[in-house]
Amino acid sequence: MSDNINFTGFAQSGQPQPQSHSRASSSTTQDANDGVRHDNNLLPIANVGRIMKDALPPQAKISKHAKETIQECATEFVGFVTGEASERCRRERRKTINGDDICHAMRSLGLDHYADAMRRYLQRYRETEELAAALNNGGGGRDGRAIQIDVRAELHFQGQQPAR
């Protein structure tokens, strides 16, 4: 487990702190100090909304505020896990974060359930890549279609059966 867990924007005491890092896509916020709006990089809201919609019954609606809240949380989660993986790479004097680093980071952050699901996903992904390479080298599989793996099938919670 990491010795000093500190989500960006919150100190150890849980009090909000100013944020000073960048993220992947942009959203606009207003700085209380100067009244000027600044862009913070966030995961794309359309992608977040699509993931949320896929997890709900077809007739369910999702408010804009709910999407924005999940967008911020998901972006923070990705940054938090990636930061932990990056620290491992720095200690090992490596420049590239790989899937094993992400699994290790999740485990060190106490997210064992997610780390186990990610480990299974990585194993299936690597097997699929080997199969695709073998098909490509043997003359088959040249139709350009991607092979998909359902990650959500790997995640199940206590009392629930895995989706297969």
Foldseek 3Di string as FASTA:
>chain_A
DDPDQDQAQAHPVRHGDDHDDAFAQWDWDADPPPRDIDIHHWDDLVVQVVVVCVVDPVVDDDDPVNSVVVRVVVRSVVVRLVVQLVVVCVVVVHDDRDLVSSLVSCVVVVNPLVSQLSVVVVVVVVVVVVVCVVQVVVVHDPPPDDDDDDSQLSHDDPPDDRDD
